[in-house]
Amino acid sequence: MTTGKLWGPSILAALGEGPLATADIWCDERWPHLRFERLRDRVEATQLDVIARVRGAAAMPSIWDEDGIMVLSVYLDGPANERTVATLARHEPLVTSAVTMAGIAERNQQQSQRVLDALASRAAIEQAKGVIMGIRNCDPNAAWDVLRAVSQEVNLKLRELATALVEHIGQVPADKPVNQSVVHVDERAREIAAQLWKGLRQEQIGDGTHVP
């Protein structure tokens, strides 16, 4: 939800905040300029009636390519919380795939290939998150934050980082959906993945946990 400078959860999710939720979208400090009163003169009366019923909201970043990022959002007439985010996470793969495949017909061949590449990386991203969750004993959101932070810090696409991490740990190619493209990783991505895995292992040893 955005109106001019009145940014909201979808924008913050796309900018790297990761999955997020709010109990009341109109009173959240993360977007201080987004207030219901400011929308009265900006939208049509029919839209205002619908917006007036909105309270909670949740957003989750999904796949991205050179054209931008897809964000799955939901707006509720009651508070949104971590359970709302978990529900988005369960439905995100299906929704994203359906929307993406529907739009492929309107793209040229090169654009369509990039989208398919992004979809092909989903399994590796989920595997990488699972590995981080296991070694850090954290939830999916925290695992996503780790991948996202490293990806941004070293200027490496997250899907390439995730694929390289999974391949480094398993010493085998990462899983991919049937009939979809492989995400190719170069030597730099492999080195970064190895450093990330080494850091995670050292972090766990520092906590006194045995690492096989």
Protein backbone atom coordinates (compact mmCIF):
# COMPACT_ATOMS: atom_id res chain seq x y z
CA MET A 1 0.00 0.00 0.00
CA THR A 2 1.61 3.25 -1.14
CA THR A 3 0.25 6.67 -2.07
CA GLY A 4 2.89 9.10 -3.20
CA LYS A 5 5.36 9.35 -0.33
CA LEU A 6 3.09 7.36 1.97
CA TRP A 7 5.11 4.15 1.78
CA GLY A 8 3.93 1.05 3.56
CA PRO A 9 4.79 -2.59 4.31
CA SER A 10 5.08 -3.74 0.70
CA ILE A 11 7.77 -1.17 -0.07
CA LEU A 12 9.75 -1.96 3.08
CA ALA A 13 9.54 -5.70 2.38
CA ALA A 14 10.85 -5.10 -1.15
CA LEU A 15 13.68 -2.91 0.14
CA GLY A 16 15.10 -5.71 2.24
CA GLU A 17 13.20 -5.54 5.50
CA GLY A 18 12.11 -9.12 4.87
CA PRO A 19 8.73 -10.55 5.92
CA LEU A 20 6.88 -8.16 8.22
CA ALA A 21 3.50 -7.65 9.84
CA THR A 22 1.65 -4.89 11.65
CA ALA A 23 -1.35 -4.90 13.94
CA ASP A 24 -2.47 -1.46 12.75
CA ILE A 25 -1.13 -0.09 9.50
CA TRP A 26 -2.22 3.47 10.34
CA CYS A 27 -0.27 3.68 13.61
CA ASP A 28 3.01 1.97 12.76
CA GLU A 29 6.25 3.90 13.37
CA ARG A 30 7.93 2.20 10.41
CA TRP A 31 5.87 4.29 7.99
CA PRO A 32 5.02 7.48 9.93
CA HIS A 33 3.69 9.27 6.86
CA LEU A 34 1.04 6.64 6.15
CA ARG A 35 -2.10 7.85 7.90
CA PHE A 36 -5.69 7.25 6.97
CA GLU A 37 -6.55 10.92 7.22
CA ARG A 38 -4.06 11.74 4.48
CA LEU A 39 -5.77 9.41 2.04
CA ARG A 40 -9.17 11.09 2.11
CA ASP A 41 -8.38 13.52 -0.70
CA ARG A 42 -6.19 11.13 -2.68
CA VAL A 43 -8.50 8.22 -3.48
CA GLU A 44 -12.02 7.77 -4.79
CA ALA A 45 -14.89 7.43 -2.35
CA THR A 46 -15.48 3.79 -3.30
CA GLN A 47 -11.84 2.96 -2.56
CA LEU A 48 -11.92 4.92 0.68
CA ASP A 49 -14.74 2.74 2.00
CA VAL A 50 -12.61 -0.35 1.48
CA ILE A 51 -9.42 1.21 2.85
CA ALA A 52 -11.27 2.38 5.96
CA ARG A 53 -11.81 -1.27 6.93
CA VAL A 54 -8.10 -2.09 6.80
CA ARG A 55 -6.22 -2.53 10.05
CA GLY A 56 -3.53 -5.21 9.96
CA ALA A 57 -1.16 -5.89 7.08
CA ALA A 58 1.64 -8.32 6.23
CA ALA A 59 4.10 -8.48 3.34
CA MET A 60 6.68 -10.98 2.17
CA PRO A 61 9.33 -10.50 -0.55
CA SER A 62 9.32 -13.24 -3.15
CA ILE A 63 11.28 -13.91 -6.31
CA TRP A 64 13.06 -11.13 -8.14
CA ASP A 65 14.93 -10.65 -11.39
CA GLU A 66 16.34 -7.73 -13.34
CA ASP A 67 12.83 -6.33 -13.77
CA GLY A 68 12.18 -6.00 -10.06
CA ILE A 69 10.86 -7.92 -7.07
CA MET A 70 7.50 -9.54 -6.42
CA VAL A 71 5.99 -8.93 -2.99
CA LEU A 72 3.06 -10.92 -1.63
CA SER A 73 0.90 -8.72 0.62
CA VAL A 74 -2.30 -9.10 2.58
CA TYR A 75 -4.46 -6.43 4.24
CA LEU A 76 -6.90 -7.43 6.99
CA ASP A 77 -9.76 -5.94 8.95
CA GLY A 78 -7.98 -7.07 12.12
CA PRO A 79 -4.40 -7.29 13.41
CA ALA A 80 -1.72 -9.15 11.45
CA ASN A 81 1.00 -11.05 13.30
CA GLU A 82 3.61 -13.78 12.89
CA ARG A 83 0.88 -16.31 12.17
CA THR A 84 -0.21 -14.12 9.27
CA VAL A 85 3.36 -14.11 7.95
CA ALA A 86 3.52 -17.90 8.33
CA THR A 87 0.33 -18.22 6.29
CA LEU A 88 1.82 -16.02 3.58
CA ALA A 89 4.92 -18.21 3.57
CA ARG A 90 2.84 -21.35 3.03
CA HIS A 91 0.92 -19.85 0.11
CA GLU A 92 3.71 -17.77 -1.43
CA PRO A 93 5.17 -20.48 -3.71
CA LEU A 94 1.81 -21.29 -5.30
CA VAL A 95 0.70 -17.67 -5.68
CA THR A 96 4.02 -16.51 -7.04
CA SER A 97 4.26 -19.34 -9.54
CA ALA A 98 0.71 -18.76 -10.79
CA VAL A 99 1.18 -15.01 -11.20
CA THR A 100 4.57 -15.42 -12.81
CA MET A 101 3.52 -18.06 -15.29
CA ALA A 102 0.46 -16.00 -16.25
CA GLY A 103 2.72 -13.07 -17.04
CA ILE A 104 5.25 -15.02 -19.08
CA ALA A 105 3.02 -14.89 -22.17
CA GLU A 106 3.35 -11.10 -22.12
CA ARG A 107 7.16 -11.12 -21.86
CA ASN A 108 9.77 -11.61 -24.53
CA GLN A 109 11.91 -14.74 -24.57
CA GLN A 110 14.80 -13.21 -22.60
CA GLN A 111 12.50 -11.84 -19.90
CA SER A 112 10.66 -15.14 -19.65
CA GLN A 113 13.93 -17.02 -19.21
CA ARG A 114 14.94 -14.74 -16.34
CA VAL A 115 11.64 -15.42 -14.60
CA LEU A 116 12.05 -19.16 -15.05
CA ASP A 117 15.58 -18.90 -13.67
CA ALA A 118 14.18 -17.16 -10.58
CA LEU A 119 11.57 -19.86 -10.09
CA ALA A 120 14.21 -22.55 -10.54
CA SER A 121 16.18 -21.11 -7.63
CA ARG A 122 13.30 -21.42 -5.14
CA ALA A 123 14.29 -24.92 -4.00
CA ALA A 124 17.89 -23.87 -3.34
CA ILE A 125 16.77 -20.82 -1.37
CA GLU A 126 14.51 -22.93 0.81
CA GLN A 127 17.31 -25.46 1.32
CA ALA A 128 19.75 -22.72 2.29
CA LYS A 129 17.24 -21.26 4.74
CA GLY A 130 16.75 -24.71 6.24
CA VAL A 131 20.49 -25.14 6.74
CA ILE A 132 20.79 -21.77 8.47
CA MET A 133 17.74 -22.50 10.62
CA GLY A 134 19.35 -25.75 11.71
CA ILE A 135 22.78 -24.40 12.59
CA ARG A 136 21.49 -21.19 14.19
CA ASN A 137 18.35 -22.68 15.71
CA CYS A 138 16.37 -19.76 14.29
CA ASP A 139 13.08 -19.25 12.46
CA PRO A 140 12.67 -18.87 8.66
CA ASN A 141 12.55 -15.07 8.87
CA ALA A 142 15.91 -14.91 10.64
CA ALA A 143 17.43 -17.32 8.12
CA TRP A 144 16.13 -15.14 5.30
CA ASP A 145 17.69 -12.10 6.98
CA VAL A 146 21.11 -13.80 7.01
CA LEU A 147 20.98 -14.63 3.29
CA ARG A 148 19.65 -11.20 2.40
CA ALA A 149 22.27 -9.36 4.45
CA VAL A 150 25.19 -11.30 2.97
CA SER A 151 23.75 -10.96 -0.52
CA GLN A 152 23.58 -7.20 -0.20
CA GLU A 153 26.94 -6.84 1.53
CA VAL A 154 28.88 -8.69 -1.17
CA ASN A 155 26.66 -7.61 -4.09
CA LEU A 156 25.73 -11.16 -5.05
CA LYS A 157 22.27 -12.27 -6.13
CA LEU A 158 20.59 -14.10 -3.30
CA ARG A 159 19.60 -17.04 -5.48
CA GLU A 160 23.24 -17.51 -6.52
CA LEU A 161 24.41 -17.29 -2.90
CA ALA A 162 21.80 -19.83 -1.79
CA THR A 163 22.65 -22.22 -4.60
CA ALA A 164 26.38 -21.93 -3.91
CA LEU A 165 25.82 -22.51 -0.18
CA VAL A 166 23.72 -25.63 -0.76
CA GLU A 167 26.23 -27.02 -3.25
CA HIS A 168 29.15 -26.23 -0.93
CA ILE A 169 27.57 -28.07 1.99
CA GLY A 170 26.31 -31.06 0.02
CA GLN A 171 29.12 -31.17 -2.55
CA VAL A 172 26.41 -31.89 -5.14
CA PRO A 173 24.30 -29.66 -7.42
CA ALA A 174 21.35 -27.99 -5.67
CA ASP A 175 17.85 -29.33 -6.25
CA LYS A 176 15.79 -27.76 -9.01
CA PRO A 177 12.24 -28.22 -10.33
CA VAL A 178 11.90 -30.56 -13.30
CA ASN A 179 12.22 -28.88 -16.72
CA GLN A 180 13.43 -25.59 -15.21
CA SER A 181 16.76 -23.86 -15.50
CA VAL A 182 19.79 -24.42 -13.32
CA VAL A 183 21.13 -21.40 -11.44
CA HIS A 184 24.80 -21.30 -12.38
CA VAL A 185 27.27 -20.04 -9.79
CA ASP A 186 30.81 -18.84 -10.41
CA GLU A 187 33.97 -19.18 -8.36
CA ARG A 188 33.34 -15.94 -6.46
CA ALA A 189 29.91 -17.16 -5.35
CA ARG A 190 31.43 -20.45 -4.20
CA GLU A 191 34.10 -18.64 -2.19
CA ILE A 192 31.51 -16.40 -0.51
CA ALA A 193 29.32 -19.41 0.28
CA ALA A 194 32.30 -21.22 1.80
CA GLN A 195 33.11 -18.19 3.95
CA LEU A 196 29.48 -17.92 5.09
CA TRP A 197 29.35 -21.58 6.04
CA LYS A 198 32.67 -21.31 7.89
CA GLY A 199 31.35 -18.29 9.79
CA LEU A 200 28.14 -20.09 10.74
CA ARG A 201 30.08 -23.11 11.99
CA GLN A 202 32.49 -20.97 14.01
CA GLU A 203 29.54 -19.06 15.46
CA GLN A 204 27.97 -22.31 16.61
CA ILE A 205 31.24 -23.58 18.09
CA GLY A 206 31.52 -20.29 19.96
CA ASP A 207 28.11 -20.99 21.49
CA GLY A 208 29.42 -24.30 22.81
CA THR A 209 27.43 -26.44 20.39
CA HIS A 210 29.08 -29.46 18.76
CA VAL A 211 29.35 -29.20 14.99
CA PRO A 212 29.96 -32.45 13.11
